[in-house]
Structures are given as structure tokens and as C-alpha cells.
């Protein structure tokens, strides 16, 4: 990226110099024109992700936009925007921006928790606060995650039993060690783990893998007072926001599914249609 930027600087200066001879310099809210298209103060702030960027950040954002626009315009000049794969990716990018805008709007409506809620949350989740646990665990990272595999692992009490099952089913896995800080997981789940006896085994499906954990030691590092309440506010907000976004997205998908007509060859299974996946 540095090589690209340095290589383009002379070209950008040349474009700027040429522009000065033939057109009037932009003023007011227009900070530059690139191939005749205006670049505004709002564009800069959006690029910098800051309503009041420093001069240095402003210049970096300006350079980034100018480079991107020049290269994009050249791609259009070469007709690359008409290539089917490019058009599909361009449409996907537009959709993802709109999805982010929609979920951002939903998030902005979530009511903020009160100080009383935070204090109650701290009191009802000692494993995350007053008796905050850090679980040291042996792990099996199972390189697969299916409902049937999770169901088969659930009743097993030892790592050896699970290793034998994985070996028998020819499922790849690797051994590891780790630490699980109660503050980094769901507070209700942390309470349940805190109730488990030493050497207890529990599984955590995570994306494409399953983490099987055996607790070998628990360290207690309390968090109390204002620090605990501040963290509680953040945790409540996240849980509440995630729940509201999931519910609203689920409602939108379920409603939209009613209007979709599938080619029979590609129609999803009934359970997939009834439980549409949320966007990634």
C-alpha cells in the first residue's frame, strides 16, 4: 500500500496542477473535484469516521478518497464495471452498506440501561464481578460443527471419551490450553460454568468449530464498585441491543420470505425457510 501511495503522489499532483490552469479552485463545502466530480467536507468526515478530524487525519482521508476515485474511474473507463462478476460484487457491496445502515438504525433505538439495572446486574452475576472467575482450561478444538456432533458430545463427561468419539468419526481436532475470562462471555453462561466442579467438561460451539473445555483451575479476580457498574452497563446494552436487532431482523426476514418464489431445484428445506439466517 505504501508503494502504491508514493507512486501515485506525483500523478495526483500533476492532476491538481493541470486542474488549476483550466478550472476555478473549489471553495466552501467542496474540498476537491476528481474527474469533474465533487468531493465534499461530508465525504472527508465519513472517510475519517470523525465529525471533526484533525488536519493530518483530514489529509489522509482526502488522499484515500482521491486515489480510490481515480482508480475506480479508470476501471469504469476500461469497462470493468460491465463485467458480470464485478457487477455482482458491486451490488453486494451496496446491499451490505444498506444492511449496516438498517441495523445501525435499529441499534440507535435501543433504550439505555439505568444505574439501578447495572447494580442489580452486578449483584446477580457474581462470577463476572464480585467473584469474577478466570477459568484455566484444557481444550480440544474440533474442526467441525454440526448439530449431530454437538448432540453426540453433550452427554460425555471426559476429554478421553470425546477424543475417542472424534477419532472414531474421523473428525479432525487439535489440543490446546486457554483461559476463559467470565467478563468476555455471556454473564448467565459464566454463572453456569462457575457452578461446575473441577475437571468438568463443557462444549462451546463457535462458528465452524466446537471448543471442548476441561476446567483445571479457577482464578478469582474481583471487579467491584464504579468499574463493575460501568462494565455492567456495557454488557446490558450489548445483550439488549443484540436481542432487539435479532428480533427485528428475524421479523423482517420472516415477512419478506412470504413474497419469495423459489425455483424448485433451489428451494431451501422447510426448516430453513421458517428460520431465515440473519445477515453476517
Protein backbone atom coordinates (compact mmCIF):
# COMPACT_ATOMS: atom_id res chain seq x y z
CA UNK A 1 0.00 0.00 0.00
CA UNK A 2 2.86 2.44 0.76
CA UNK A 3 4.42 1.77 -2.64
CA UNK A 4 1.09 2.42 -4.34
CA UNK A 5 0.56 5.68 -2.45
CA UNK A 6 4.05 7.03 -3.17
CA UNK A 7 3.80 6.02 -6.81
CA UNK A 8 0.53 7.91 -7.19
CA UNK A 9 1.57 11.12 -5.44
CA UNK A 10 3.31 12.66 -8.49
CA UNK A 11 0.34 11.76 -10.66
CA UNK A 12 -2.08 13.33 -8.18
CA UNK A 13 0.00 16.49 -8.03
CA UNK A 14 0.03 16.63 -11.81
CA UNK A 15 -3.74 16.27 -11.99
CA UNK A 16 -4.10 19.03 -9.41
CA UNK A 17 -1.70 21.31 -11.23
CA UNK A 18 -3.43 20.76 -14.56
CA UNK A 19 -6.80 21.46 -12.98
CA UNK A 20 -5.64 24.79 -11.64
CA UNK A 21 -4.89 26.02 -15.17
CA UNK A 22 -8.31 25.27 -16.60
CA UNK A 23 -10.85 25.39 -13.77
CA UNK A 24 -11.61 27.51 -10.74
CA UNK A 25 -10.43 26.03 -7.44
CA UNK A 26 -13.23 24.53 -5.29
CA UNK A 27 -14.44 26.55 -2.31
CA UNK A 28 -16.83 26.18 0.63
CA UNK A 29 -18.03 22.64 1.28
CA UNK A 30 -16.34 21.28 -1.85
CA UNK A 31 -12.76 20.28 -0.98
CA UNK A 32 -11.75 18.93 -4.40
CA UNK A 33 -13.04 17.73 -7.74
CA UNK A 34 -11.90 14.40 -9.15
CA UNK A 35 -12.55 13.91 -12.85
CA UNK A 36 -15.20 16.60 -12.58
CA UNK A 37 -17.00 15.04 -9.59
CA UNK A 38 -17.16 16.97 -6.34
CA UNK A 39 -15.63 15.71 -3.12
CA UNK A 40 -17.18 17.39 -0.08
CA UNK A 41 -16.42 18.03 3.56
CA UNK A 42 -19.04 15.40 4.41
CA UNK A 43 -17.14 12.86 2.28
CA UNK A 44 -13.98 13.62 4.25
CA UNK A 45 -15.70 13.26 7.62
CA UNK A 46 -17.29 9.99 6.57
CA UNK A 47 -13.96 8.64 5.30
CA UNK A 48 -12.20 9.70 8.51
CA UNK A 49 -15.09 8.34 10.61
CA UNK A 50 -14.82 11.54 12.65
CA UNK A 51 -17.07 14.63 12.60
CA UNK A 52 -14.11 16.88 13.47
CA UNK A 53 -10.96 15.22 12.07
CA UNK A 54 -7.52 16.67 12.70
CA UNK A 55 -5.70 18.24 9.76
CA UNK A 56 -3.48 15.17 9.48
CA UNK A 57 -6.44 12.78 9.50
CA UNK A 58 -8.27 15.05 7.06
CA UNK A 59 -5.37 14.95 4.60
CA UNK A 60 -5.06 11.16 4.92
CA UNK A 61 -8.80 10.79 4.24
CA UNK A 62 -8.57 13.14 1.25
CA UNK A 63 -5.68 11.20 -0.26
CA UNK A 64 -7.51 7.90 0.29
CA UNK A 65 -10.68 9.14 -1.45
CA UNK A 66 -8.80 10.70 -4.37
CA UNK A 67 -6.79 7.53 -5.01
CA UNK A 68 -9.88 5.34 -4.78
CA UNK A 69 -11.91 7.55 -7.10
CA UNK A 70 -9.17 7.80 -9.72
CA UNK A 71 -8.68 4.04 -9.78
CA UNK A 72 -12.43 3.38 -9.82
CA UNK A 73 -12.92 5.83 -12.69
CA UNK A 74 -10.14 4.12 -14.62
CA UNK A 75 -11.85 0.75 -14.05
CA UNK A 76 -15.09 2.19 -15.44
CA UNK A 77 -13.18 3.68 -18.40
CA UNK A 78 -11.88 0.19 -19.16
CA UNK A 79 -15.41 -1.23 -18.95
CA UNK A 80 -14.71 -3.40 -15.92
CA UNK A 81 -17.96 -2.29 -14.26
CA UNK A 82 -19.81 -4.18 -17.02
CA UNK A 83 -18.10 -7.49 -16.26
CA UNK A 84 -20.79 -9.73 -14.67
CA UNK A 85 -18.65 -10.74 -11.67
CA UNK A 86 -17.80 -7.10 -10.96
CA UNK A 87 -21.43 -6.04 -11.20
CA UNK A 88 -22.43 -8.76 -8.76
CA UNK A 89 -19.76 -7.72 -6.24
CA UNK A 90 -20.73 -4.06 -6.66
CA UNK A 91 -24.37 -4.89 -5.93
CA UNK A 92 -23.38 -6.99 -2.92
CA UNK A 93 -21.30 -4.11 -1.53
CA UNK A 94 -24.29 -1.76 -1.93
CA UNK A 95 -26.54 -4.25 -0.14
CA UNK A 96 -24.10 -4.64 2.76
CA UNK A 97 -23.90 -0.86 3.21
CA UNK A 98 -27.70 -0.71 3.38
CA UNK A 99 -27.84 -3.65 5.82
CA UNK A 100 -25.32 -1.86 8.06
CA UNK A 101 -27.43 1.30 7.86
CA UNK A 102 -30.57 -0.65 8.78
CA UNK A 103 -29.04 -2.45 11.76
CA UNK A 104 -27.43 0.82 12.84
CA UNK A 105 -30.84 2.48 12.85
CA UNK A 106 -32.28 -0.38 14.92
CA UNK A 107 -29.39 -0.14 17.40
CA UNK A 108 -29.94 3.59 17.80
CA UNK A 109 -33.46 2.94 19.15
CA UNK A 110 -32.34 0.64 21.98
CA UNK A 111 -33.11 2.22 25.38
CA UNK A 112 -30.09 2.74 27.62
CA UNK A 113 -29.99 0.79 30.91
CA UNK A 114 -30.26 2.67 34.20
CA UNK A 115 -27.78 2.76 37.06
CA UNK A 116 -30.20 0.63 39.12
CA UNK A 117 -30.23 -2.01 36.38
CA UNK A 118 -26.45 -2.04 36.38
CA UNK A 119 -26.26 -2.52 40.16
CA UNK A 120 -28.82 -5.34 40.00
CA UNK A 121 -26.88 -6.97 37.15
CA UNK A 122 -23.66 -6.87 39.17
CA UNK A 123 -25.39 -8.35 42.22
CA UNK A 124 -26.97 -11.19 40.26
CA UNK A 125 -23.78 -12.15 38.37
CA UNK A 126 -21.02 -12.57 40.98
CA UNK A 127 -18.97 -14.83 38.69
CA UNK A 128 -18.42 -11.85 36.40
CA UNK A 129 -17.91 -9.17 39.06
CA UNK A 130 -17.56 -9.55 42.86
CA UNK A 131 -16.20 -13.08 42.40
CA UNK A 132 -15.04 -12.72 38.83
CA UNK A 133 -13.75 -16.04 37.51
CA UNK A 134 -10.93 -16.72 35.11
CA UNK A 135 -11.17 -20.37 34.09
CA UNK A 136 -7.93 -22.07 33.03
CA UNK A 137 -8.88 -24.86 30.68
CA UNK A 138 -7.52 -27.70 28.60
CA UNK A 139 -9.14 -27.60 25.18
CA UNK A 140 -9.98 -29.72 22.21
CA UNK A 141 -10.63 -27.54 19.18
CA UNK A 142 -12.88 -29.66 16.99
CA UNK A 143 -12.58 -28.64 13.34
CA UNK A 144 -16.25 -29.25 12.59
CA UNK A 145 -19.56 -28.03 13.96
CA UNK A 146 -22.77 -29.89 13.22
CA UNK A 147 -25.90 -30.37 15.34
CA UNK A 148 -25.38 -34.15 15.33
CA UNK A 149 -21.80 -33.83 16.56
CA UNK A 150 -22.75 -31.40 19.32
CA UNK A 151 -25.55 -33.74 20.39
CA UNK A 152 -23.13 -36.70 20.48
CA UNK A 153 -20.62 -34.79 22.62
CA UNK A 154 -23.12 -33.38 25.14
CA UNK A 155 -23.57 -36.47 27.37
CA UNK A 156 -19.84 -37.21 27.60
CA UNK A 157 -18.02 -36.47 30.87
CA UNK A 158 -14.33 -36.74 29.96
CA UNK A 159 -11.97 -35.44 27.32
CA UNK A 160 -10.86 -39.00 26.58
CA UNK A 161 -14.41 -40.06 25.72
CA UNK A 162 -14.72 -37.12 23.35
CA UNK A 163 -11.32 -37.79 21.77
CA UNK A 164 -12.33 -41.42 21.18
CA UNK A 165 -15.58 -40.28 19.55
CA UNK A 166 -13.81 -37.82 17.27
CA UNK A 167 -11.19 -40.38 16.28
CA UNK A 168 -13.88 -42.96 15.54
CA UNK A 169 -15.84 -40.49 13.39
CA UNK A 170 -12.61 -39.26 11.74
CA UNK A 171 -13.22 -35.67 12.81
CA UNK A 172 -10.06 -33.55 12.94
CA UNK A 173 -9.20 -31.80 16.20
CA UNK A 174 -6.23 -30.27 17.98
CA UNK A 175 -5.30 -29.92 21.62
CA UNK A 176 -4.70 -26.57 23.24
CA UNK A 177 -4.82 -24.72 26.56
CA UNK A 178 -6.57 -21.45 27.27
CA UNK A 179 -8.20 -19.07 29.68
CA UNK A 180 -11.84 -18.01 29.73
CA UNK A 181 -12.46 -14.70 31.48
CA UNK A 182 -16.04 -14.51 32.73
CA UNK A 183 -16.14 -10.88 31.58
CA UNK A 184 -15.66 -11.93 27.96
CA UNK A 185 -18.64 -14.30 27.78
CA UNK A 186 -22.35 -14.11 28.45
CA UNK A 187 -22.81 -13.40 32.17
CA UNK A 188 -25.53 -16.05 32.57
CA UNK A 189 -23.26 -18.65 30.95
CA UNK A 190 -20.43 -17.61 33.27
CA UNK A 191 -22.67 -18.30 36.28
CA UNK A 192 -23.40 -21.81 34.99
CA UNK A 193 -19.72 -22.54 34.38
CA UNK A 194 -18.89 -21.28 37.87
CA UNK A 195 -21.17 -23.96 39.32
CA UNK A 196 -19.31 -26.79 37.57
CA UNK A 197 -16.91 -28.95 39.62
CA UNK A 198 -13.15 -29.09 38.94
CA UNK A 199 -12.26 -31.07 35.81
CA UNK A 200 -15.79 -30.63 34.45
CA UNK A 201 -16.08 -30.74 30.67
CA UNK A 202 -18.31 -28.48 28.60
CA UNK A 203 -18.57 -27.70 24.89
CA UNK A 204 -18.88 -24.30 23.21
CA UNK A 205 -19.90 -24.31 19.52
CA UNK A 206 -18.25 -21.30 17.85
CA UNK A 207 -18.76 -20.75 14.15
CA UNK A 208 -17.13 -23.57 12.21
CA UNK A 209 -15.56 -25.22 15.26
CA UNK A 210 -16.51 -26.67 18.64
CA UNK A 211 -14.34 -25.86 21.64
CA UNK A 212 -14.41 -28.60 24.25
CA UNK A 213 -13.11 -27.28 27.58
CA UNK A 214 -11.98 -29.04 30.74
CA UNK A 215 -11.64 -26.77 33.77
CA UNK A 216 -8.35 -27.47 35.52
CA UNK A 217 -8.14 -24.34 37.66
CA UNK A 218 -10.20 -21.27 38.54
CA UNK A 219 -8.68 -17.92 39.48
CA UNK A 220 -10.77 -15.25 41.23
CA UNK A 221 -10.02 -11.61 40.34
CA UNK A 222 -12.85 -9.42 41.72
CA UNK A 223 -14.15 -6.31 39.99
CA UNK A 224 -16.26 -4.04 42.20
CA UNK A 225 -17.63 -0.53 42.63
CA UNK A 226 -17.86 2.00 39.82
CA UNK A 227 -15.74 -0.14 37.48
CA UNK A 228 -18.13 -3.07 37.85
CA UNK A 229 -21.18 -0.88 37.27
CA UNK A 230 -19.64 0.69 34.15
CA UNK A 231 -18.89 -2.75 32.71
CA UNK A 232 -22.38 -3.92 33.65
CA UNK A 233 -23.93 -1.03 31.71
CA UNK A 234 -21.90 -2.03 28.65
CA UNK A 235 -22.86 -5.69 28.99
CA UNK A 236 -26.56 -4.95 29.45
CA UNK A 237 -26.50 -2.60 26.48
CA UNK A 238 -24.86 -5.21 24.27
CA UNK A 239 -27.21 -8.01 25.33
CA UNK A 240 -30.26 -5.79 24.89
CA UNK A 241 -29.07 -4.47 21.55
CA UNK A 242 -28.21 -7.91 20.19
CA UNK A 243 -31.63 -9.23 21.23
CA UNK A 244 -33.55 -6.32 19.71
CA UNK A 245 -31.56 -6.43 16.46
CA UNK A 246 -32.00 -10.21 16.19
CA UNK A 247 -35.75 -9.96 16.82
CA UNK A 248 -36.26 -7.17 14.31
CA UNK A 249 -34.07 -8.78 11.66
CA UNK A 250 -35.92 -12.07 12.20
CA UNK A 251 -39.27 -10.30 11.77
CA UNK A 252 -38.13 -8.61 8.55
CA UNK A 253 -36.78 -11.86 7.11
CA UNK A 254 -39.86 -13.88 8.06
CA UNK A 255 -42.13 -11.26 6.50
CA UNK A 256 -40.01 -10.98 3.37
CA UNK A 257 -39.83 -14.74 2.94
CA UNK A 258 -43.57 -14.79 2.21
CA UNK A 259 -43.07 -12.95 -1.08
CA UNK A 260 -40.20 -15.12 -2.37
CA UNK A 261 -40.80 -17.66 -5.12
CA UNK A 262 -38.09 -20.30 -5.49
CA UNK A 263 -37.11 -22.46 -8.41
CA UNK A 264 -38.00 -25.94 -7.12
CA UNK A 265 -34.44 -27.12 -7.72
CA UNK A 266 -33.03 -24.48 -5.36
CA UNK A 267 -35.81 -24.14 -2.80
CA UNK A 268 -34.48 -24.34 0.79
CA UNK A 269 -35.66 -27.03 3.17
CA UNK A 270 -38.74 -26.14 5.18
CA UNK A 271 -36.85 -25.51 8.42
CA UNK A 272 -34.50 -23.12 6.57
CA UNK A 273 -37.43 -21.14 5.20
CA UNK A 274 -39.10 -20.96 8.60
CA UNK A 275 -35.88 -19.83 10.32
CA UNK A 276 -34.10 -17.50 7.89
CA UNK A 277 -30.50 -16.85 8.74
CA UNK A 278 -29.55 -13.37 9.90
CA UNK A 279 -27.02 -11.40 7.82
CA UNK A 280 -23.32 -11.86 8.50
